């Protein structure tokens, strides 16, 4: 298991997006730089702490910026947690 954190920024929360640094993107999509036969940019399976599950997409925001627009389930959970700018989101990857 490996983990990375994302700082929640005011602009990103307003736009309902999470911006990933290279470390987070590589944690969640380890075949990002793979050749055409192994490259996989499909949504990942995300298990939220409240027991809900969702498929988290990888989105390109331009100028080399990657992240996700998330899903209604993710944003609902973040809202329930009272998330604010400056908070951090811990992501753990379990490879099967």
PDB file of N, CA and C in Angstrom:
ATOM      1  N   UNK A   1       0.852  -1.163   0.000  1.00  0.00           N
ATOM      2  CA  UNK A   1       0.000   0.000   0.000  1.00  0.00           C
ATOM      3  C   UNK A   1       0.906   1.237   0.000  1.00  0.00           C
ATOM      4  N   UNK A   2       0.506   2.248  -0.758  1.00  0.00           N
ATOM      5  CA  UNK A   2       1.228   3.512  -0.827  1.00  0.00           C
ATOM      6  C   UNK A   2       0.221   4.637  -0.666  1.00  0.00           C
ATOM      7  N   UNK A   3       0.692   5.817  -0.237  1.00  0.00           N
ATOM      8  CA  UNK A   3      -0.238   6.932  -0.041  1.00  0.00           C
ATOM      9  C   UNK A   3       0.400   8.254  -0.445  1.00  0.00           C
ATOM     10  N   UNK A   4      -0.443   9.201  -0.743  1.00  0.00           N
ATOM     11  CA  UNK A   4      -0.066  10.580  -1.080  1.00  0.00           C
ATOM     12  C   UNK A   4      -1.186  11.484  -0.580  1.00  0.00           C
ATOM     13  N   UNK A   5      -0.884  12.758  -0.426  1.00  0.00           N
ATOM     14  CA  UNK A   5      -1.903  13.710  -0.004  1.00  0.00           C
ATOM     15  C   UNK A   5      -2.106  14.800  -1.062  1.00  0.00           C
ATOM     16  N   UNK A   6      -3.298  15.363  -1.054  1.00  0.00           N
ATOM     17  CA  UNK A   6      -3.656  16.483  -1.916  1.00  0.00           C
ATOM     18  C   UNK A   6      -4.119  17.607  -1.004  1.00  0.00           C
ATOM     19  N   UNK A   7      -3.554  18.801  -1.184  1.00  0.00           N
ATOM     20  CA  UNK A   7      -4.051  19.956  -0.442  1.00  0.00           C
ATOM     21  C   UNK A   7      -5.264  20.511  -1.179  1.00  0.00           C
ATOM     22  N   UNK A   8      -6.329  20.727  -0.441  1.00  0.00           N
ATOM     23  CA  UNK A   8      -7.543  21.293  -1.024  1.00  0.00           C
ATOM     24  C   UNK A   8      -7.380  22.802  -1.119  1.00  0.00           C
ATOM     25  N   UNK A   9      -7.440  23.315  -2.334  1.00  0.00           N
ATOM     26  CA  UNK A   9      -7.263  24.751  -2.567  1.00  0.00           C
ATOM     27  C   UNK A   9      -8.611  25.402  -2.865  1.00  0.00           C
ATOM     28  N   UNK A  10      -8.764  26.637  -2.437  1.00  0.00           N
ATOM     29  CA  UNK A  10     -10.029  27.356  -2.572  1.00  0.00           C
ATOM     30  C   UNK A  10     -10.543  27.343  -4.013  1.00  0.00           C
ATOM     31  N   UNK A  11      -9.693  27.699  -4.970  1.00  0.00           N
ATOM     32  CA  UNK A  11     -10.113  27.737  -6.370  1.00  0.00           C
ATOM     33  C   UNK A  11     -10.577  26.365  -6.854  1.00  0.00           C
ATOM     34  N   UNK A  12      -9.843  25.325  -6.476  1.00  0.00           N
ATOM     35  CA  UNK A  12     -10.204  23.976  -6.911  1.00  0.00           C
ATOM     36  C   UNK A  12     -11.532  23.534  -6.302  1.00  0.00           C
ATOM     37  N   UNK A  13     -11.781  23.879  -5.049  1.00  0.00           N
ATOM     38  CA  UNK A  13     -13.060  23.532  -4.424  1.00  0.00           C
ATOM     39  C   UNK A  13     -14.206  24.266  -5.109  1.00  0.00           C
ATOM     40  N   UNK A  14     -13.983  25.526  -5.464  1.00  0.00           N
ATOM     41  CA  UNK A  14     -15.024  26.286  -6.158  1.00  0.00           C
ATOM     42  C   UNK A  14     -15.316  25.688  -7.536  1.00  0.00           C
ATOM     43  N   UNK A  15     -14.278  25.197  -8.209  1.00  0.00           N
ATOM     44  CA  UNK A  15     -14.439  24.593  -9.536  1.00  0.00           C
ATOM     45  C   UNK A  15     -14.810  23.112  -9.458  1.00  0.00           C
ATOM     46  N   UNK A  16     -14.924  22.593  -8.244  1.00  0.00           N
ATOM     47  CA  UNK A  16     -15.170  21.164  -7.999  1.00  0.00           C
ATOM     48  C   UNK A  16     -14.214  20.301  -8.812  1.00  0.00           C
ATOM     49  N   UNK A  17     -12.948  20.480  -8.502  1.00  0.00           N
ATOM     50  CA  UNK A  17     -11.909  19.655  -9.105  1.00  0.00           C
ATOM     51  C   UNK A  17     -10.793  19.460  -8.085  1.00  0.00           C
ATOM     52  N   UNK A  18     -10.057  18.406  -8.268  1.00  0.00           N
ATOM     53  CA  UNK A  18      -8.858  18.154  -7.480  1.00  0.00           C
ATOM     54  C   UNK A  18      -7.699  18.106  -8.459  1.00  0.00           C
ATOM     55  N   UNK A  19      -6.661  18.877  -8.193  1.00  0.00           N
ATOM     56  CA  UNK A  19      -5.481  18.890  -9.048  1.00  0.00           C
ATOM     57  C   UNK A  19      -4.445  17.958  -8.429  1.00  0.00           C
ATOM     58  N   UNK A  20      -3.902  17.084  -9.268  1.00  0.00           N
ATOM     59  CA  UNK A  20      -2.905  16.112  -8.804  1.00  0.00           C
ATOM     60  C   UNK A  20      -1.504  16.566  -9.167  1.00  0.00           C
ATOM     61  N   UNK A  21      -0.600  16.443  -8.235  1.00  0.00           N
ATOM     62  CA  UNK A  21       0.811  16.554  -8.562  1.00  0.00           C
ATOM     63  C   UNK A  21       1.222  15.258  -9.254  1.00  0.00           C
ATOM     64  N   UNK A  22       2.432  15.232  -9.768  1.00  0.00           N
ATOM     65  CA  UNK A  22       2.915  14.034 -10.457  1.00  0.00           C
ATOM     66  C   UNK A  22       2.888  12.800  -9.557  1.00  0.00           C
ATOM     67  N   UNK A  23       3.231  12.977  -8.281  1.00  0.00           N
ATOM     68  CA  UNK A  23       3.275  11.831  -7.364  1.00  0.00           C
ATOM     69  C   UNK A  23       1.896  11.208  -7.166  1.00  0.00           C
ATOM     70  N   UNK A  24       0.872  12.040  -7.040  1.00  0.00           N
ATOM     71  CA  UNK A  24      -0.488  11.529  -6.858  1.00  0.00           C
ATOM     72  C   UNK A  24      -0.964  10.851  -8.137  1.00  0.00           C
ATOM     73  N   UNK A  25      -0.748  11.513  -9.274  1.00  0.00           N
ATOM     74  CA  UNK A  25      -1.170  10.922 -10.556  1.00  0.00           C
ATOM     75  C   UNK A  25      -0.484   9.569 -10.772  1.00  0.00           C
ATOM     76  N   UNK A  26       0.813   9.488 -10.472  1.00  0.00           N
ATOM     77  CA  UNK A  26       1.538   8.238 -10.658  1.00  0.00           C
ATOM     78  C   UNK A  26       1.104   7.164  -9.667  1.00  0.00           C
ATOM     79  N   UNK A  27       0.696   7.571  -8.466  1.00  0.00           N
ATOM     80  CA  UNK A  27       0.189   6.619  -7.477  1.00  0.00           C
ATOM     81  C   UNK A  27      -1.104   5.983  -7.961  1.00  0.00           C
ATOM     82  N   UNK A  28      -2.013   6.824  -8.482  1.00  0.00           N
ATOM     83  CA  UNK A  28      -3.334   6.336  -8.865  1.00  0.00           C
ATOM     84  C   UNK A  28      -3.376   5.743 -10.271  1.00  0.00           C
ATOM     85  N   UNK A  29      -2.522   6.227 -11.161  1.00  0.00           N
ATOM     86  CA  UNK A  29      -2.451   5.723 -12.547  1.00  0.00           C
ATOM     87  C   UNK A  29      -0.997   5.383 -12.856  1.00  0.00           C
ATOM     88  N   UNK A  30      -0.483   4.274 -12.285  1.00  0.00           N
ATOM     89  CA  UNK A  30       0.946   3.952 -12.428  1.00  0.00           C
ATOM     90  C   UNK A  30       1.383   3.688 -13.870  1.00  0.00           C
ATOM     91  N   UNK A  31       0.451   3.388 -14.765  1.00  0.00           N
ATOM     92  CA  UNK A  31       0.822   3.141 -16.161  1.00  0.00           C
ATOM     93  C   UNK A  31       0.629   4.382 -17.023  1.00  0.00           C
ATOM     94  N   UNK A  32       0.579   5.560 -16.393  1.00  0.00           N
ATOM     95  CA  UNK A  32       0.332   6.808 -17.110  1.00  0.00           C
ATOM     96  C   UNK A  32       1.328   7.015 -18.257  1.00  0.00           C
ATOM     97  N   UNK A  33       2.597   6.734 -17.999  1.00  0.00           N
ATOM     98  CA  UNK A  33       3.623   6.943 -19.018  1.00  0.00           C
ATOM     99  C   UNK A  33       3.932   5.684 -19.804  1.00  0.00           C
ATOM    100  N   UNK A  34       3.122   4.641 -19.662  1.00  0.00           N
ATOM    101  CA  UNK A  34       3.352   3.393 -20.390  1.00  0.00           C
ATOM    102  C   UNK A  34       3.135   3.558 -21.879  1.00  0.00           C
ATOM    103  N   UNK A  35       3.687   2.639 -22.623  1.00  0.00           N
ATOM    104  CA  UNK A  35       3.460   2.688 -24.072  1.00  0.00           C
ATOM    105  C   UNK A  35       1.996   2.338 -24.363  1.00  0.00           C
ATOM    106  N   UNK A  36       1.602   2.444 -25.608  1.00  0.00           N
ATOM    107  CA  UNK A  36       0.202   2.266 -25.987  1.00  0.00           C
ATOM    108  C   UNK A  36      -0.387   0.926 -25.536  1.00  0.00           C
ATOM    109  N   UNK A  37       0.425  -0.109 -25.455  1.00  0.00           N
ATOM    110  CA  UNK A  37      -0.126  -1.423 -25.094  1.00  0.00           C
ATOM    111  C   UNK A  37      -0.416  -1.563 -23.599  1.00  0.00           C
ATOM    112  N   UNK A  38       0.272  -0.781 -22.746  1.00  0.00           N
ATOM    113  CA  UNK A  38       0.033  -0.911 -21.299  1.00  0.00           C
ATOM    114  C   UNK A  38      -0.547   0.347 -20.668  1.00  0.00           C
ATOM    115  N   UNK A  39      -0.602   1.441 -21.390  1.00  0.00           N
ATOM    116  CA  UNK A  39      -1.110   2.697 -20.828  1.00  0.00           C
ATOM    117  C   UNK A  39      -2.587   2.542 -20.475  1.00  0.00           C
ATOM    118  N   UNK A  40      -2.922   2.874 -19.242  1.00  0.00           N
ATOM    119  CA  UNK A  40      -4.293   2.733 -18.754  1.00  0.00           C
ATOM    120  C   UNK A  40      -4.701   4.006 -18.027  1.00  0.00           C
ATOM    121  N   UNK A  41      -5.603   4.785 -18.631  1.00  0.00           N
ATOM    122  CA  UNK A  41      -6.086   6.022 -18.030  1.00  0.00           C
ATOM    123  C   UNK A  41      -7.559   5.909 -17.637  1.00  0.00           C
ATOM    124  N   UNK A  42      -8.050   4.685 -17.540  1.00  0.00           N
ATOM    125  CA  UNK A  42      -9.435   4.456 -17.143  1.00  0.00           C
ATOM    126  C   UNK A  42      -9.671   4.917 -15.711  1.00  0.00           C
ATOM    127  N   UNK A  43     -10.909   5.227 -15.368  1.00  0.00           N
ATOM    128  CA  UNK A  43     -11.215   5.601 -13.980  1.00  0.00           C
ATOM    129  C   UNK A  43     -10.770   4.507 -13.009  1.00  0.00           C
ATOM    130  N   UNK A  44     -10.345   4.948 -11.839  1.00  0.00           N
ATOM    131  CA  UNK A  44      -9.941   3.994 -10.808  1.00  0.00           C
ATOM    132  C   UNK A  44     -11.111   3.752  -9.859  1.00  0.00           C
ATOM    133  N   UNK A  45     -11.059   2.663  -9.146  1.00  0.00           N
ATOM    134  CA  UNK A  45     -12.051   2.315  -8.136  1.00  0.00           C
ATOM    135  C   UNK A  45     -11.681   3.065  -6.859  1.00  0.00           C
ATOM    136  N   UNK A  46     -12.599   3.871  -6.353  1.00  0.00           N
ATOM    137  CA  UNK A  46     -12.351   4.654  -5.147  1.00  0.00           C
ATOM    138  C   UNK A  46     -13.329   4.228  -4.066  1.00  0.00           C
ATOM    139  N   UNK A  47     -12.808   3.804  -2.939  1.00  0.00           N
ATOM    140  CA  UNK A  47     -13.633   3.445  -1.779  1.00  0.00           C
ATOM    141  C   UNK A  47     -13.536   4.597  -0.781  1.00  0.00           C
ATOM    142  N   UNK A  48     -14.662   5.214  -0.492  1.00  0.00           N
ATOM    143  CA  UNK A  48     -14.706   6.319   0.460  1.00  0.00           C
ATOM    144  C   UNK A  48     -14.831   5.779   1.883  1.00  0.00           C
ATOM    145  N   UNK A  49     -14.358   6.530   2.877  1.00  0.00           N
ATOM    146  CA  UNK A  49     -14.440   6.055   4.265  1.00  0.00           C
ATOM    147  C   UNK A  49     -15.847   5.765   4.759  1.00  0.00           C
ATOM    148  N   UNK A  50     -16.876   6.342   4.114  1.00  0.00           N
ATOM    149  CA  UNK A  50     -18.258   6.091   4.548  1.00  0.00           C
ATOM    150  C   UNK A  50     -18.837   4.809   3.947  1.00  0.00           C
ATOM    151  N   UNK A  51     -18.017   4.057   3.220  1.00  0.00           N
ATOM    152  CA  UNK A  51     -18.463   2.801   2.637  1.00  0.00           C
ATOM    153  C   UNK A  51     -18.940   2.908   1.208  1.00  0.00           C
ATOM    154  N   UNK A  52     -19.151   4.114   0.715  1.00  0.00           N
ATOM    155  CA  UNK A  52     -19.561   4.273  -0.680  1.00  0.00           C
ATOM    156  C   UNK A  52     -18.370   4.023  -1.600  1.00  0.00           C
ATOM    157  N   UNK A  53     -18.686   3.620  -2.809  1.00  0.00           N
ATOM    158  CA  UNK A  53     -17.661   3.391  -3.824  1.00  0.00           C
ATOM    159  C   UNK A  53     -18.039   4.169  -5.068  1.00  0.00           C
ATOM    160  N   UNK A  54     -17.024   4.623  -5.795  1.00  0.00           N
ATOM    161  CA  UNK A  54     -17.244   5.370  -7.020  1.00  0.00           C
ATOM    162  C   UNK A  54     -16.054   5.150  -7.948  1.00  0.00           C
ATOM    163  N   UNK A  55     -16.220   5.501  -9.192  1.00  0.00           N
ATOM    164  CA  UNK A  55     -15.145   5.398 -10.180  1.00  0.00           C
ATOM    165  C   UNK A  55     -14.573   6.794 -10.384  1.00  0.00           C
ATOM    166  N   UNK A  56     -13.317   6.998 -10.034  1.00  0.00           N
ATOM    167  CA  UNK A  56     -12.690   8.310 -10.107  1.00  0.00           C
ATOM    168  C   UNK A  56     -11.971   8.473 -11.444  1.00  0.00           C
ATOM    169  N   UNK A  57     -12.407   9.462 -12.262  1.00  0.00           N
ATOM    170  CA  UNK A  57     -11.771   9.653 -13.559  1.00  0.00           C
ATOM    171  C   UNK A  57     -10.498  10.499 -13.451  1.00  0.00           C
ATOM    172  N   UNK A  58      -9.631  10.351 -14.432  1.00  0.00           N
ATOM    173  CA  UNK A  58      -8.460  11.209 -14.587  1.00  0.00           C
ATOM    174  C   UNK A  58      -8.802  12.231 -15.656  1.00  0.00           C
ATOM    175  N   UNK A  59      -8.693  13.515 -15.314  1.00  0.00           N
ATOM    176  CA  UNK A  59      -9.055  14.585 -16.236  1.00  0.00           C
ATOM    177  C   UNK A  59      -7.850  15.473 -16.521  1.00  0.00           C
ATOM    178  N   UNK A  60      -7.762  15.936 -17.762  1.00  0.00           N
ATOM    179  CA  UNK A  60      -6.712  16.858 -18.184  1.00  0.00           C
ATOM    180  C   UNK A  60      -7.284  18.270 -18.157  1.00  0.00           C
ATOM    181  N   UNK A  61      -6.623  19.164 -17.397  1.00  0.00           N
ATOM    182  CA  UNK A  61      -7.099  20.535 -17.264  1.00  0.00           C
ATOM    183  C   UNK A  61      -6.330  21.521 -18.133  1.00  0.00           C
ATOM    184  N   UNK A  62      -5.392  21.032 -18.927  1.00  0.00           N
ATOM    185  CA  UNK A  62      -4.604  21.889 -19.812  1.00  0.00           C
ATOM    186  C   UNK A  62      -3.266  22.255 -19.201  1.00  0.00           C
ATOM    187  N   UNK A  63      -2.349  22.649 -20.074  1.00  0.00           N
ATOM    188  CA  UNK A  63      -1.016  23.116 -19.655  1.00  0.00           C
ATOM    189  C   UNK A  63      -0.300  22.116 -18.750  1.00  0.00           C
ATOM    190  N   UNK A  64      -0.457  20.829 -19.023  1.00  0.00           N
ATOM    191  CA  UNK A  64       0.230  19.795 -18.244  1.00  0.00           C
ATOM    192  C   UNK A  64      -0.373  19.536 -16.876  1.00  0.00           C
ATOM    193  N   UNK A  65      -1.559  20.052 -16.613  1.00  0.00           N
ATOM    194  CA  UNK A  65      -2.208  19.895 -15.306  1.00  0.00           C
ATOM    195  C   UNK A  65      -3.234  18.767 -15.380  1.00  0.00           C
ATOM    196  N   UNK A  66      -3.058  17.780 -14.486  1.00  0.00           N
ATOM    197  CA  UNK A  66      -3.955  16.627 -14.413  1.00  0.00           C
ATOM    198  C   UNK A  66      -4.621  16.596 -13.051  1.00  0.00           C
ATOM    199  N   UNK A  67      -5.784  16.004 -13.014  1.00  0.00           N
ATOM    200  CA  UNK A  67      -6.511  15.851 -11.763  1.00  0.00           C
ATOM    201  C   UNK A  67      -7.822  15.156 -12.031  1.00  0.00           C
ATOM    202  N   UNK A  68      -8.826  15.498 -11.257  1.00  0.00           N
ATOM    203  CA  UNK A  68     -10.143  14.898 -11.454  1.00  0.00           C
ATOM    204  C   UNK A  68     -11.237  15.906 -11.151  1.00  0.00           C
ATOM    205  N   UNK A  69     -12.313  15.789 -11.902  1.00  0.00           N
ATOM    206  CA  UNK A  69     -13.520  16.555 -11.588  1.00  0.00           C
ATOM    207  C   UNK A  69     -14.324  15.821 -10.529  1.00  0.00           C
ATOM    208  N   UNK A  70     -13.888  14.608 -10.220  1.00  0.00           N
ATOM    209  CA  UNK A  70     -14.541  13.830  -9.185  1.00  0.00           C
ATOM    210  C   UNK A  70     -15.881  13.278  -9.617  1.00  0.00           C
ATOM    211  N   UNK A  71     -16.664  12.915  -8.650  1.00  0.00           N
ATOM    212  CA  UNK A  71     -17.994  12.355  -8.866  1.00  0.00           C
ATOM    213  C   UNK A  71     -18.928  12.957  -7.819  1.00  0.00           C
ATOM    214  N   UNK A  72     -20.237  12.877  -8.053  1.00  0.00           N
ATOM    215  CA  UNK A  72     -21.168  13.381  -7.027  1.00  0.00           C
ATOM    216  C   UNK A  72     -20.940  12.738  -5.659  1.00  0.00           C
ATOM    217  N   UNK A  73     -20.617  11.458  -5.649  1.00  0.00           N
ATOM    218  CA  UNK A  73     -20.384  10.761  -4.370  1.00  0.00           C
ATOM    219  C   UNK A  73     -19.179  11.351  -3.634  1.00  0.00           C
ATOM    220  N   UNK A  74     -18.106  11.627  -4.366  1.00  0.00           N
ATOM    221  CA  UNK A  74     -16.905  12.203  -3.746  1.00  0.00           C
ATOM    222  C   UNK A  74     -17.204  13.594  -3.202  1.00  0.00           C
ATOM    223  N   UNK A  75     -17.862  14.438  -3.983  1.00  0.00           N
ATOM    224  CA  UNK A  75     -18.146  15.800  -3.527  1.00  0.00           C
ATOM    225  C   UNK A  75     -19.142  15.806  -2.367  1.00  0.00           C
ATOM    226  N   UNK A  76     -20.088  14.898  -2.385  1.00  0.00           N
ATOM    227  CA  UNK A  76     -21.034  14.799  -1.264  1.00  0.00           C
ATOM    228  C   UNK A  76     -20.280  14.427   0.017  1.00  0.00           C
ATOM    229  N   UNK A  77     -19.369  13.451  -0.088  1.00  0.00           N
ATOM    230  CA  UNK A  77     -18.594  13.037   1.081  1.00  0.00           C
ATOM    231  C   UNK A  77     -17.710  14.182   1.577  1.00  0.00           C
ATOM    232  N   UNK A  78     -17.040  14.878   0.665  1.00  0.00           N
ATOM    233  CA  UNK A  78     -16.196  16.003   1.075  1.00  0.00           C
ATOM    234  C   UNK A  78     -17.015  17.090   1.761  1.00  0.00           C
ATOM    235  N   UNK A  79     -18.217  17.356   1.263  1.00  0.00           N
ATOM    236  CA  UNK A  79     -19.098  18.348   1.876  1.00  0.00           C
ATOM    237  C   UNK A  79     -19.519  17.903   3.269  1.00  0.00           C
ATOM    238  N   UNK A  80     -19.868  16.623   3.417  1.00  0.00           N
ATOM    239  CA  UNK A  80     -20.267  16.071   4.721  1.00  0.00           C
ATOM    240  C   UNK A  80     -19.133  16.184   5.734  1.00  0.00           C
ATOM    241  N   UNK A  81     -17.897  16.124   5.261  1.00  0.00           N
ATOM    242  CA  UNK A  81     -16.733  16.203   6.146  1.00  0.00           C
ATOM    243  C   UNK A  81     -16.392  17.641   6.515  1.00  0.00           C
ATOM    244  N   UNK A  82     -17.094  18.598   5.923  1.00  0.00           N
ATOM    245  CA  UNK A  82     -16.831  20.006   6.223  1.00  0.00           C
ATOM    246  C   UNK A  82     -15.504  20.474   5.653  1.00  0.00           C
ATOM    247  N   UNK A  83     -15.138  19.953   4.516  1.00  0.00           N
ATOM    248  CA  UNK A  83     -13.842  20.278   3.917  1.00  0.00           C
ATOM    249  C   UNK A  83     -13.720  21.773   3.670  1.00  0.00           C
ATOM    250  N   UNK A  84     -12.473  22.270   3.827  1.00  0.00           N
ATOM    251  CA  UNK A  84     -12.183  23.669   3.614  1.00  0.00           C
ATOM    252  C   UNK A  84     -10.849  23.794   2.896  1.00  0.00           C
ATOM    253  N   UNK A  85     -10.641  24.956   2.281  1.00  0.00           N
ATOM    254  CA  UNK A  85      -9.343  25.218   1.665  1.00  0.00           C
ATOM    255  C   UNK A  85      -8.263  25.082   2.734  1.00  0.00           C
ATOM    256  N   UNK A  86      -7.172  24.445   2.356  1.00  0.00           N
ATOM    257  CA  UNK A  86      -6.077  24.210   3.294  1.00  0.00           C
ATOM    258  C   UNK A  86      -6.102  22.823   3.911  1.00  0.00           C
ATOM    259  N   UNK A  87      -7.268  22.156   3.889  1.00  0.00           N
ATOM    260  CA  UNK A  87      -7.343  20.771   4.365  1.00  0.00           C
ATOM    261  C   UNK A  87      -6.579  19.876   3.399  1.00  0.00           C
ATOM    262  N   UNK A  88      -6.226  18.703   3.869  1.00  0.00           N
ATOM    263  CA  UNK A  88      -5.558  17.722   3.023  1.00  0.00           C
ATOM    264  C   UNK A  88      -6.419  16.490   2.873  1.00  0.00           C
ATOM    265  N   UNK A  89      -6.315  15.880   1.722  1.00  0.00           N
ATOM    266  CA  UNK A  89      -7.026  14.631   1.413  1.00  0.00           C
ATOM    267  C   UNK A  89      -5.967  13.546   1.265  1.00  0.00           C
ATOM    268  N   UNK A  90      -6.058  12.505   2.072  1.00  0.00           N
ATOM    269  CA  UNK A  90      -5.111  11.399   2.017  1.00  0.00           C
ATOM    270  C   UNK A  90      -5.662  10.321   1.079  1.00  0.00           C
ATOM    271  N   UNK A  91      -4.870   9.944   0.107  1.00  0.00           N
ATOM    272  CA  UNK A  91      -5.242   8.881  -0.832  1.00  0.00           C
ATOM    273  C   UNK A  91      -4.297   7.706  -0.636  1.00  0.00           C
ATOM    274  N   UNK A  92      -4.860   6.529  -0.468  1.00  0.00           N
ATOM    275  CA  UNK A  92      -4.079   5.300  -0.336  1.00  0.00           C
ATOM    276  C   UNK A  92      -4.404   4.394  -1.509  1.00  0.00           C
ATOM    277  N   UNK A  93      -3.378   3.843  -2.104  1.00  0.00           N
ATOM    278  CA  UNK A  93      -3.561   2.924  -3.224  1.00  0.00           C
ATOM    279  C   UNK A  93      -3.223   1.508  -2.776  1.00  0.00           C
ATOM    280  N   UNK A  94      -4.125   0.591  -3.081  1.00  0.00           N
ATOM    281  CA  UNK A  94      -3.912  -0.829  -2.822  1.00  0.00           C
ATOM    282  C   UNK A  94      -3.888  -1.506  -4.181  1.00  0.00           C
ATOM    283  N   UNK A  95      -2.761  -2.066  -4.534  1.00  0.00           N
ATOM    284  CA  UNK A  95      -2.617  -2.702  -5.843  1.00  0.00           C
ATOM    285  C   UNK A  95      -2.939  -4.187  -5.723  1.00  0.00           C
ATOM    286  N   UNK A  96      -3.809  -4.635  -6.581  1.00  0.00           N
ATOM    287  CA  UNK A  96      -4.206  -6.053  -6.544  1.00  0.00           C
ATOM    288  C   UNK A  96      -3.606  -6.793  -7.721  1.00  0.00           C
TER     289      UNK A  96
END
